[in-house]
Amino acid sequence: MTPLSSLFSGAYRHRRIAGIVYLIQFALAVTLGMQVHGVLEASIGHSLELNRLLTGYDHTVMTDFLKVHGASITPLIGQLRWLLLVWLLFAIFLHGGMLNGAVKEKVTVGNFWIGGSRFFLRFFGISVIFLGIALIWAALIWAPLLGNLQSMLTNNYTETYAVWTVVASFVLFMLGLACLYLWSIAGRIHLIQFDGKVWPSLRAGLRWTFRNKGYMGSLFLVFALCQMLLILIYWTLDAWMGMRSVAGIACMFAVQQIFVYLRILFQAGLYQAIATPMLTPAA
């Protein structure tokens, strides 16, 4: 199967589980949204300045709001830190469930819940490891650039060299993150398949990713293009309908939820497209 057909086949296989993941994430988002709504309602809920935001982002309104109601926002920001941590923990559980479904012969609700709970601690360790690797990678790319950016701007006749250096560094940084992402998926799949430990699974996942770098690279490219296509379609619809009225806000909210579900679906499809060849004897 081609990377495109593998991705779509895997997405179709996980369509019900993707719906469960969407509902859980939606419930978490509603919990956060209710807190934000309570703060905004108490501070500027009856302000006529809010009508100016319906036509788009207004920097003056936002600046005045932060100056006048900054004390109301500070406790909310403190709560957001904890909610973000809860969100990350839930994400580890949810992706563990989806990956377990990709490894098993059947994608069932039972396999989803079992996978999320059984492998949670090991997946949490993997997440911490890759977060550390990602931070090291970011330091290797951006620390030398930021340290020499000022000299590049002052010692050259134009800013072209500095701009292209930043662009090249960004592309290299994103490619590195993509490789880490694919490696982490392969390592998690190997861990589930053999119920193994973290480090041996990561080493096996790295070897498999390297041996199948052509397939993995093309698969991730298809996945990234699908995600970019969704974003492009959303921007097009937003420019056409906009959020300038109650009806427009309602329509765009519905579109947002559809797109969130599709992004989860493509994520599950990517997991399945990687798991299938890993589980075959030839892999």
C-alpha atoms as a PDB file:
ATOM      1  CA  MET A   1       0.000   0.000   0.000  1.00  0.00           C
ATOM      2  CA  THR A   2       1.119   3.550  -0.694  1.00  0.00           C
ATOM      3  CA  PRO A   3       1.617   5.963   2.223  1.00  0.00           C
ATOM      4  CA  LEU A   4      -1.565   7.823   1.231  1.00  0.00           C
ATOM      5  CA  SER A   5      -3.717   4.688   1.098  1.00  0.00           C
ATOM      6  CA  SER A   6      -2.159   3.403   4.338  1.00  0.00           C
ATOM      7  CA  LEU A   7      -2.969   6.679   6.098  1.00  0.00           C
ATOM      8  CA  PHE A   8      -6.584   6.774   4.914  1.00  0.00           C
ATOM      9  CA  SER A   9      -7.120   3.069   5.553  1.00  0.00           C
ATOM     10  CA  GLY A  10      -5.840   3.461   9.096  1.00  0.00           C
ATOM     11  CA  ALA A  11      -7.992   6.549   9.641  1.00  0.00           C
ATOM     12  CA  TYR A  12     -11.116   4.677   8.529  1.00  0.00           C
ATOM     13  CA  ARG A  13     -10.260   1.790  10.861  1.00  0.00           C
ATOM     14  CA  HIS A  14     -10.049   4.143  13.864  1.00  0.00           C
ATOM     15  CA  ARG A  15     -13.061   6.339  13.069  1.00  0.00           C
ATOM     16  CA  ARG A  16     -15.015   5.309  16.200  1.00  0.00           C
ATOM     17  CA  ILE A  17     -12.054   5.592  18.573  1.00  0.00           C
ATOM     18  CA  ALA A  18     -11.281   9.008  17.085  1.00  0.00           C
ATOM     19  CA  GLY A  19     -14.797  10.031  18.064  1.00  0.00           C
ATOM     20  CA  ILE A  20     -14.176   8.972  21.677  1.00  0.00           C
ATOM     21  CA  VAL A  21     -10.891  10.880  21.768  1.00  0.00           C
ATOM     22  CA  TYR A  22     -12.636  13.944  20.340  1.00  0.00           C
ATOM     23  CA  LEU A  23     -15.383  13.814  22.987  1.00  0.00           C
ATOM     24  CA  ILE A  24     -12.846  13.552  25.819  1.00  0.00           C
ATOM     25  CA  GLN A  25     -10.820  16.455  24.464  1.00  0.00           C
ATOM     26  CA  PHE A  26     -14.006  18.465  23.941  1.00  0.00           C
ATOM     27  CA  ALA A  27     -15.019  17.881  27.571  1.00  0.00           C
ATOM     28  CA  LEU A  28     -11.613  19.112  28.742  1.00  0.00           C
ATOM     29  CA  ALA A  29     -11.863  22.153  26.474  1.00  0.00           C
ATOM     30  CA  VAL A  30     -15.347  22.967  27.785  1.00  0.00           C
ATOM     31  CA  THR A  31     -14.015  22.817  31.354  1.00  0.00           C
ATOM     32  CA  LEU A  32     -11.326  25.323  30.449  1.00  0.00           C
ATOM     33  CA  GLY A  33     -13.752  27.444  28.429  1.00  0.00           C
ATOM     34  CA  MET A  34     -16.192  27.729  31.320  1.00  0.00           C
ATOM     35  CA  GLN A  35     -13.460  29.181  33.536  1.00  0.00           C
ATOM     36  CA  VAL A  36     -12.404  31.656  30.863  1.00  0.00           C
ATOM     37  CA  HIS A  37     -16.049  32.608  30.257  1.00  0.00           C
ATOM     38  CA  GLY A  38     -16.596  33.219  33.965  1.00  0.00           C
ATOM     39  CA  VAL A  39     -13.617  35.580  34.161  1.00  0.00           C
ATOM     40  CA  LEU A  40     -14.566  37.474  31.018  1.00  0.00           C
ATOM     41  CA  GLU A  41     -18.234  37.726  32.020  1.00  0.00           C
ATOM     42  CA  ALA A  42     -17.329  39.174  35.400  1.00  0.00           C
ATOM     43  CA  SER A  43     -14.842  41.661  33.970  1.00  0.00           C
ATOM     44  CA  ILE A  44     -16.032  42.954  30.589  1.00  0.00           C
ATOM     45  CA  GLY A  45     -19.133  40.869  29.915  1.00  0.00           C
ATOM     46  CA  HIS A  46     -21.297  43.954  29.379  1.00  0.00           C
ATOM     47  CA  SER A  47     -18.727  46.155  27.700  1.00  0.00           C
ATOM     48  CA  LEU A  48     -19.657  47.613  24.308  1.00  0.00           C
ATOM     49  CA  GLU A  49     -16.006  47.326  23.317  1.00  0.00           C
ATOM     50  CA  LEU A  50     -16.562  43.611  22.724  1.00  0.00           C
ATOM     51  CA  ASN A  51     -18.561  44.447  19.597  1.00  0.00           C
ATOM     52  CA  ARG A  52     -15.377  45.769  18.010  1.00  0.00           C
ATOM     53  CA  LEU A  53     -13.795  42.333  18.296  1.00  0.00           C
ATOM     54  CA  LEU A  54     -16.468  40.797  16.056  1.00  0.00           C
ATOM     55  CA  THR A  55     -14.876  42.507  13.066  1.00  0.00           C
ATOM     56  CA  GLY A  56     -11.469  41.010  13.852  1.00  0.00           C
ATOM     57  CA  TYR A  57      -8.537  41.411  16.222  1.00  0.00           C
ATOM     58  CA  ASP A  58      -8.342  44.906  17.716  1.00  0.00           C
ATOM     59  CA  HIS A  59      -5.041  45.576  19.477  1.00  0.00           C
ATOM     60  CA  THR A  60      -6.386  48.678  21.253  1.00  0.00           C
ATOM     61  CA  VAL A  61      -9.273  46.765  22.816  1.00  0.00           C
ATOM     62  CA  MET A  62      -7.029  43.925  23.954  1.00  0.00           C
ATOM     63  CA  THR A  63      -4.428  46.324  25.386  1.00  0.00           C
ATOM     64  CA  ASP A  64      -7.050  48.282  27.323  1.00  0.00           C
ATOM     65  CA  PHE A  65      -8.557  45.049  28.589  1.00  0.00           C
ATOM     66  CA  LEU A  66      -5.209  43.801  29.923  1.00  0.00           C
ATOM     67  CA  LYS A  67      -4.508  47.138  31.610  1.00  0.00           C
ATOM     68  CA  VAL A  68      -7.904  47.449  33.283  1.00  0.00           C
ATOM     69  CA  HIS A  69      -8.664  43.794  34.001  1.00  0.00           C
ATOM     70  CA  GLY A  70      -5.188  42.312  34.307  1.00  0.00           C
ATOM     71  CA  ALA A  71      -5.802  41.395  37.948  1.00  0.00           C
ATOM     72  CA  SER A  72      -8.687  39.175  36.862  1.00  0.00           C
ATOM     73  CA  ILE A  73      -6.573  37.388  34.285  1.00  0.00           C
ATOM     74  CA  THR A  74      -3.618  36.590  36.576  1.00  0.00           C
ATOM     75  CA  PRO A  75      -5.426  33.867  38.637  1.00  0.00           C
ATOM     76  CA  LEU A  76      -6.738  32.358  35.411  1.00  0.00           C
ATOM     77  CA  ILE A  77      -3.210  32.096  34.003  1.00  0.00           C
ATOM     78  CA  GLY A  78      -2.143  30.310  37.177  1.00  0.00           C
ATOM     79  CA  GLN A  79      -4.953  27.788  36.717  1.00  0.00           C
ATOM     80  CA  LEU A  80      -4.084  27.322  33.059  1.00  0.00           C
ATOM     81  CA  ARG A  81      -0.662  25.948  34.006  1.00  0.00           C
ATOM     82  CA  TRP A  82      -2.277  23.145  35.962  1.00  0.00           C
ATOM     83  CA  LEU A  83      -4.911  22.560  33.303  1.00  0.00           C
ATOM     84  CA  LEU A  84      -2.139  22.268  30.728  1.00  0.00           C
ATOM     85  CA  LEU A  85      -0.485  19.584  32.847  1.00  0.00           C
ATOM     86  CA  VAL A  86      -3.791  17.726  33.118  1.00  0.00           C
ATOM     87  CA  TRP A  87      -4.215  18.062  29.354  1.00  0.00           C
ATOM     88  CA  LEU A  88      -0.773  16.549  28.730  1.00  0.00           C
ATOM     89  CA  LEU A  89      -1.490  13.629  31.052  1.00  0.00           C
ATOM     90  CA  PHE A  90      -4.769  12.967  29.289  1.00  0.00           C
ATOM     91  CA  ALA A  91      -2.978  13.192  25.938  1.00  0.00           C
ATOM     92  CA  ILE A  92      -0.526  10.467  27.006  1.00  0.00           C
ATOM     93  CA  PHE A  93      -3.446   8.256  28.007  1.00  0.00           C
ATOM     94  CA  LEU A  94      -5.432   8.905  24.823  1.00  0.00           C
ATOM     95  CA  HIS A  95      -2.528   8.314  22.457  1.00  0.00           C
ATOM     96  CA  GLY A  96      -1.635   5.166  24.361  1.00  0.00           C
ATOM     97  CA  GLY A  97      -5.146   3.904  23.747  1.00  0.00           C
ATOM     98  CA  MET A  98      -5.013   4.722  20.037  1.00  0.00           C
ATOM     99  CA  LEU A  99      -1.614   3.068  19.644  1.00  0.00           C
ATOM    100  CA  ASN A 100      -2.809  -0.054  21.444  1.00  0.00           C
ATOM    101  CA  GLY A 101      -5.719  -0.244  19.020  1.00  0.00           C
ATOM    102  CA  ALA A 102      -3.292   0.061  16.112  1.00  0.00           C
ATOM    103  CA  VAL A 103      -1.264  -2.899  17.374  1.00  0.00           C
ATOM    104  CA  LYS A 104      -4.220  -5.185  18.144  1.00  0.00           C
ATOM    105  CA  GLU A 105      -6.079  -7.126  15.478  1.00  0.00           C
ATOM    106  CA  LYS A 106      -9.299  -5.241  16.191  1.00  0.00           C
ATOM    107  CA  VAL A 107      -9.786  -1.599  17.090  1.00  0.00           C
ATOM    108  CA  THR A 108     -12.207  -1.801  19.995  1.00  0.00           C
ATOM    109  CA  VAL A 109     -13.225   0.481  22.812  1.00  0.00           C
ATOM    110  CA  GLY A 110     -11.923  -2.075  25.300  1.00  0.00           C
ATOM    111  CA  ASN A 111      -8.458  -2.117  23.709  1.00  0.00           C
ATOM    112  CA  PHE A 112      -8.464   1.670  23.783  1.00  0.00           C
ATOM    113  CA  TRP A 113      -9.094   1.901  27.538  1.00  0.00           C
ATOM    114  CA  ILE A 114      -6.760  -1.002  28.329  1.00  0.00           C
ATOM    115  CA  GLY A 115      -3.926   0.481  26.300  1.00  0.00           C
ATOM    116  CA  GLY A 116      -4.290   3.937  27.803  1.00  0.00           C
ATOM    117  CA  SER A 117      -4.118   2.618  31.373  1.00  0.00           C
ATOM    118  CA  ARG A 118      -1.674  -0.286  30.962  1.00  0.00           C
ATOM    119  CA  PHE A 119       1.068   1.645  29.209  1.00  0.00           C
ATOM    120  CA  PHE A 120       0.507   5.047  30.785  1.00  0.00           C
ATOM    121  CA  LEU A 121       3.545   5.107  33.092  1.00  0.00           C
ATOM    122  CA  ARG A 122       5.935   3.835  30.440  1.00  0.00           C
ATOM    123  CA  PHE A 123       4.537   6.239  27.875  1.00  0.00           C
ATOM    124  CA  PHE A 124       4.894   9.047  30.385  1.00  0.00           C
ATOM    125  CA  GLY A 125       8.577   8.159  30.712  1.00  0.00           C
ATOM    126  CA  ILE A 126       8.957   8.138  26.926  1.00  0.00           C
ATOM    127  CA  SER A 127       7.312  11.558  26.727  1.00  0.00           C
ATOM    128  CA  VAL A 128       9.747  12.966  29.299  1.00  0.00           C
ATOM    129  CA  ILE A 129      12.704  11.462  27.424  1.00  0.00           C
ATOM    130  CA  PHE A 130      11.671  12.919  24.089  1.00  0.00           C
ATOM    131  CA  LEU A 131      10.864  16.270  25.651  1.00  0.00           C
ATOM    132  CA  GLY A 132      14.431  16.371  26.926  1.00  0.00           C
ATOM    133  CA  ILE A 133      15.825  15.351  23.532  1.00  0.00           C
ATOM    134  CA  ALA A 134      13.693  17.996  21.820  1.00  0.00           C
ATOM    135  CA  LEU A 135      14.986  20.687  24.197  1.00  0.00           C
ATOM    136  CA  ILE A 136      18.573  19.625  23.527  1.00  0.00           C
ATOM    137  CA  TRP A 137      17.916  19.702  19.782  1.00  0.00           C
ATOM    138  CA  ALA A 138      16.391  23.178  20.089  1.00  0.00           C
ATOM    139  CA  ALA A 139      19.422  24.412  22.026  1.00  0.00           C
ATOM    140  CA  LEU A 140      21.811  22.985  19.418  1.00  0.00           C
ATOM    141  CA  ILE A 141      19.974  24.735  16.595  1.00  0.00           C
ATOM    142  CA  TRP A 142      18.889  28.049  18.084  1.00  0.00           C
ATOM    143  CA  ALA A 143      21.556  28.897  20.661  1.00  0.00           C
ATOM    144  CA  PRO A 144      24.382  29.360  18.101  1.00  0.00           C
ATOM    145  CA  LEU A 145      22.042  31.203  15.742  1.00  0.00           C
ATOM    146  CA  LEU A 146      20.739  33.645  18.334  1.00  0.00           C
ATOM    147  CA  GLY A 147      24.267  34.211  19.605  1.00  0.00           C
ATOM    148  CA  ASN A 148      25.508  35.233  16.146  1.00  0.00           C
ATOM    149  CA  LEU A 149      22.378  36.853  14.741  1.00  0.00           C
ATOM    150  CA  GLN A 150      23.354  40.362  15.758  1.00  0.00           C
ATOM    151  CA  SER A 151      26.783  40.068  14.118  1.00  0.00           C
ATOM    152  CA  MET A 152      25.199  38.695  10.938  1.00  0.00           C
ATOM    153  CA  LEU A 153      22.908  41.704  10.787  1.00  0.00           C
ATOM    154  CA  THR A 154      25.666  44.251  11.398  1.00  0.00           C
ATOM    155  CA  ASN A 155      28.515  42.705   9.394  1.00  0.00           C
ATOM    156  CA  ASN A 156      26.603  42.175   6.142  1.00  0.00           C
ATOM    157  CA  TYR A 157      25.335  44.727   3.667  1.00  0.00           C
ATOM    158  CA  THR A 158      21.820  43.256   3.650  1.00  0.00           C
ATOM    159  CA  GLU A 159      19.705  41.126   5.956  1.00  0.00           C
ATOM    160  CA  THR A 160      19.321  38.443   3.274  1.00  0.00           C
ATOM    161  CA  TYR A 161      22.007  36.190   4.731  1.00  0.00           C
ATOM    162  CA  ALA A 162      20.504  36.413   8.220  1.00  0.00           C
ATOM    163  CA  VAL A 163      16.972  35.770   6.955  1.00  0.00           C
ATOM    164  CA  TRP A 164      17.963  32.698   4.952  1.00  0.00           C
ATOM    165  CA  THR A 165      20.005  31.401   7.886  1.00  0.00           C
ATOM    166  CA  VAL A 166      16.954  31.672  10.118  1.00  0.00           C
ATOM    167  CA  VAL A 167      14.774  29.947   7.492  1.00  0.00           C
ATOM    168  CA  ALA A 168      17.292  27.145   7.019  1.00  0.00           C
ATOM    169  CA  SER A 169      17.611  26.702  10.790  1.00  0.00           C
ATOM    170  CA  PHE A 170      13.850  26.540  11.156  1.00  0.00           C
ATOM    171  CA  VAL A 171      13.545  23.899   8.418  1.00  0.00           C
ATOM    172  CA  LEU A 172      16.346  21.853   9.999  1.00  0.00           C
ATOM    173  CA  PHE A 173      14.721  22.212  13.421  1.00  0.00           C
ATOM    174  CA  MET A 174      11.347  21.006  12.144  1.00  0.00           C
ATOM    175  CA  LEU A 175      12.917  18.076  10.294  1.00  0.00           C
ATOM    176  CA  GLY A 176      14.625  17.035  13.508  1.00  0.00           C
ATOM    177  CA  LEU A 177      11.338  17.222  15.421  1.00  0.00           C
ATOM    178  CA  ALA A 178       9.631  15.152  12.714  1.00  0.00           C
ATOM    179  CA  CYS A 179      12.315  12.465  13.028  1.00  0.00           C
ATOM    180  CA  LEU A 180      11.934  12.440  16.803  1.00  0.00           C
ATOM    181  CA  TYR A 181       8.170  12.196  16.428  1.00  0.00           C
ATOM    182  CA  LEU A 182       8.325   9.201  14.090  1.00  0.00           C
ATOM    183  CA  TRP A 183      10.938   7.528  16.277  1.00  0.00           C
ATOM    184  CA  SER A 184       8.756   7.971  19.356  1.00  0.00           C
ATOM    185  CA  ILE A 185       5.779   6.367  17.588  1.00  0.00           C
ATOM    186  CA  ALA A 186       7.847   3.380  16.439  1.00  0.00           C
ATOM    187  CA  GLY A 187       9.288   2.974  19.937  1.00  0.00           C
ATOM    188  CA  ARG A 188       5.839   3.030  21.534  1.00  0.00           C
ATOM    189  CA  ILE A 189       4.495   0.499  19.039  1.00  0.00           C
ATOM    190  CA  HIS A 190       7.413  -1.845  19.742  1.00  0.00           C
ATOM    191  CA  LEU A 191       6.812  -1.449  23.484  1.00  0.00           C
ATOM    192  CA  ILE A 192       3.144  -2.391  23.103  1.00  0.00           C
ATOM    193  CA  GLN A 193       3.868  -5.279  20.742  1.00  0.00           C
ATOM    194  CA  PHE A 194       6.330  -6.991  23.089  1.00  0.00           C
ATOM    195  CA  ASP A 195       5.175  -5.410  26.376  1.00  0.00           C
ATOM    196  CA  GLY A 196       8.787  -4.350  26.790  1.00  0.00           C
ATOM    197  CA  LYS A 197      10.741  -1.768  28.716  1.00  0.00           C
ATOM    198  CA  VAL A 198      11.301   1.809  27.673  1.00  0.00           C
ATOM    199  CA  TRP A 199      14.946   1.916  26.556  1.00  0.00           C
ATOM    200  CA  PRO A 200      15.023  -1.391  24.632  1.00  0.00           C
ATOM    201  CA  SER A 201      11.816  -0.370  22.873  1.00  0.00           C
ATOM    202  CA  LEU A 202      13.262   3.008  21.927  1.00  0.00           C
ATOM    203  CA  ARG A 203      16.402   1.390  20.525  1.00  0.00           C
ATOM    204  CA  ALA A 204      14.301  -1.047  18.497  1.00  0.00           C
ATOM    205  CA  GLY A 205      12.070   1.775  17.293  1.00  0.00           C
ATOM    206  CA  LEU A 206      15.093   3.810  16.221  1.00  0.00           C
ATOM    207  CA  ARG A 207      16.523   0.872  14.246  1.00  0.00           C
ATOM    208  CA  TRP A 208      13.191   0.239  12.521  1.00  0.00           C
ATOM    209  CA  THR A 209      12.721   3.913  11.691  1.00  0.00           C
ATOM    210  CA  PHE A 210      16.209   4.135  10.203  1.00  0.00           C
ATOM    211  CA  ARG A 211      15.770   0.965   8.114  1.00  0.00           C
ATOM    212  CA  ASN A 212      12.443   2.216   6.784  1.00  0.00           C
ATOM    213  CA  LYS A 213      13.326   5.897   6.534  1.00  0.00           C
ATOM    214  CA  GLY A 214      11.973   6.183   2.972  1.00  0.00           C
ATOM    215  CA  TYR A 215       8.545   4.882   3.919  1.00  0.00           C
ATOM    216  CA  MET A 216       8.450   6.816   7.178  1.00  0.00           C
ATOM    217  CA  GLY A 217       9.515  10.040   5.495  1.00  0.00           C
ATOM    218  CA  SER A 218       6.947   9.785   2.709  1.00  0.00           C
ATOM    219  CA  LEU A 219       4.250   8.785   5.203  1.00  0.00           C
ATOM    220  CA  PHE A 220       4.961  11.781   7.411  1.00  0.00           C
ATOM    221  CA  LEU A 221       4.984  14.055   4.348  1.00  0.00           C
ATOM    222  CA  VAL A 222       1.514  12.826   3.381  1.00  0.00           C
ATOM    223  CA  PHE A 223       0.345  13.266   6.960  1.00  0.00           C
ATOM    224  CA  ALA A 224       1.751  16.807   7.150  1.00  0.00           C
ATOM    225  CA  LEU A 225       0.188  17.749   3.808  1.00  0.00           C
ATOM    226  CA  CYS A 226      -3.204  16.499   4.994  1.00  0.00           C
ATOM    227  CA  GLN A 227      -2.898  18.610   8.139  1.00  0.00           C
ATOM    228  CA  MET A 228      -1.865  21.659   6.097  1.00  0.00           C
ATOM    229  CA  LEU A 229      -4.779  21.092   3.728  1.00  0.00           C
ATOM    230  CA  LEU A 230      -7.194  21.105   6.649  1.00  0.00           C
ATOM    231  CA  ILE A 231      -5.720  24.381   7.904  1.00  0.00           C
ATOM    232  CA  LEU A 232      -5.926  25.918   4.429  1.00  0.00           C
ATOM    233  CA  ILE A 233      -9.561  24.900   4.027  1.00  0.00           C
ATOM    234  CA  TYR A 234     -10.366  26.307   7.451  1.00  0.00           C
ATOM    235  CA  TRP A 235      -8.702  29.640   6.656  1.00  0.00           C
ATOM    236  CA  THR A 236     -10.632  29.791   3.391  1.00  0.00           C
ATOM    237  CA  LEU A 237     -13.942  29.158   5.114  1.00  0.00           C
ATOM    238  CA  ASP A 238     -13.095  31.661   7.838  1.00  0.00           C
ATOM    239  CA  ALA A 239     -12.331  34.329   5.239  1.00  0.00           C
ATOM    240  CA  TRP A 240     -15.584  33.524   3.438  1.00  0.00           C
ATOM    241  CA  MET A 241     -18.012  33.193   6.381  1.00  0.00           C
ATOM    242  CA  GLY A 242     -16.037  34.865   9.157  1.00  0.00           C
ATOM    243  CA  MET A 243     -17.000  35.217  12.813  1.00  0.00           C
ATOM    244  CA  ARG A 244     -18.681  38.575  12.458  1.00  0.00           C
ATOM    245  CA  SER A 245     -22.144  37.612  13.710  1.00  0.00           C
ATOM    246  CA  VAL A 246     -23.815  35.073  15.968  1.00  0.00           C
ATOM    247  CA  ALA A 247     -24.630  32.868  12.968  1.00  0.00           C
ATOM    248  CA  GLY A 248     -21.071  33.148  11.674  1.00  0.00           C
ATOM    249  CA  ILE A 249     -19.640  32.227  15.070  1.00  0.00           C
ATOM    250  CA  ALA A 250     -21.956  29.204  15.294  1.00  0.00           C
ATOM    251  CA  CYS A 251     -21.043  28.012  11.792  1.00  0.00           C
ATOM    252  CA  MET A 252     -17.311  28.417  12.331  1.00  0.00           C
ATOM    253  CA  PHE A 253     -17.558  26.649  15.681  1.00  0.00           C
ATOM    254  CA  ALA A 254     -19.174  23.668  13.962  1.00  0.00           C
ATOM    255  CA  VAL A 255     -16.479  23.734  11.266  1.00  0.00           C
ATOM    256  CA  GLN A 256     -13.766  23.861  13.938  1.00  0.00           C
ATOM    257  CA  GLN A 257     -15.149  20.763  15.645  1.00  0.00           C
ATOM    258  CA  ILE A 258     -15.266  18.843  12.375  1.00  0.00           C
ATOM    259  CA  PHE A 259     -11.687  19.770  11.650  1.00  0.00           C
ATOM    260  CA  VAL A 260     -10.556  18.797  15.170  1.00  0.00           C
ATOM    261  CA  TYR A 261     -12.112  15.376  14.669  1.00  0.00           C
ATOM    262  CA  LEU A 262     -10.439  14.999  11.259  1.00  0.00           C
ATOM    263  CA  ARG A 263      -7.048  15.896  12.714  1.00  0.00           C
ATOM    264  CA  ILE A 264      -7.487  13.224  15.398  1.00  0.00           C
ATOM    265  CA  LEU A 265      -8.564  10.789  12.685  1.00  0.00           C
ATOM    266  CA  PHE A 266      -5.432  11.459  10.629  1.00  0.00           C
ATOM    267  CA  GLN A 267      -3.333  11.046  13.774  1.00  0.00           C
ATOM    268  CA  ALA A 268      -4.833   7.610  14.369  1.00  0.00           C
ATOM    269  CA  GLY A 269      -4.343   6.791  10.695  1.00  0.00           C
ATOM    270  CA  LEU A 270      -0.646   7.633  10.998  1.00  0.00           C
ATOM    271  CA  TYR A 271      -0.315   5.310  13.989  1.00  0.00           C
ATOM    272  CA  GLN A 272      -1.946   2.474  12.071  1.00  0.00           C
ATOM    273  CA  ALA A 273       0.108   3.115   8.931  1.00  0.00           C
ATOM    274  CA  ILE A 274       3.312   2.768  11.005  1.00  0.00           C
ATOM    275  CA  ALA A 275       2.106  -0.169  13.110  1.00  0.00           C
ATOM    276  CA  THR A 276       0.962  -2.374  10.219  1.00  0.00           C
ATOM    277  CA  PRO A 277       4.386  -2.895   8.564  1.00  0.00           C
ATOM    278  CA  MET A 278       6.076  -3.128  11.970  1.00  0.00           C
ATOM    279  CA  LEU A 279       3.838  -6.046  12.919  1.00  0.00           C
ATOM    280  CA  THR A 280       4.473  -8.038   9.747  1.00  0.00           C
ATOM    281  CA  PRO A 281       7.235 -10.685   9.776  1.00  0.00           C
ATOM    282  CA  ALA A 282       9.061  -8.942   6.931  1.00  0.00           C
ATOM    283  CA  ALA A 283       9.492  -5.800   9.054  1.00  0.00           C
END
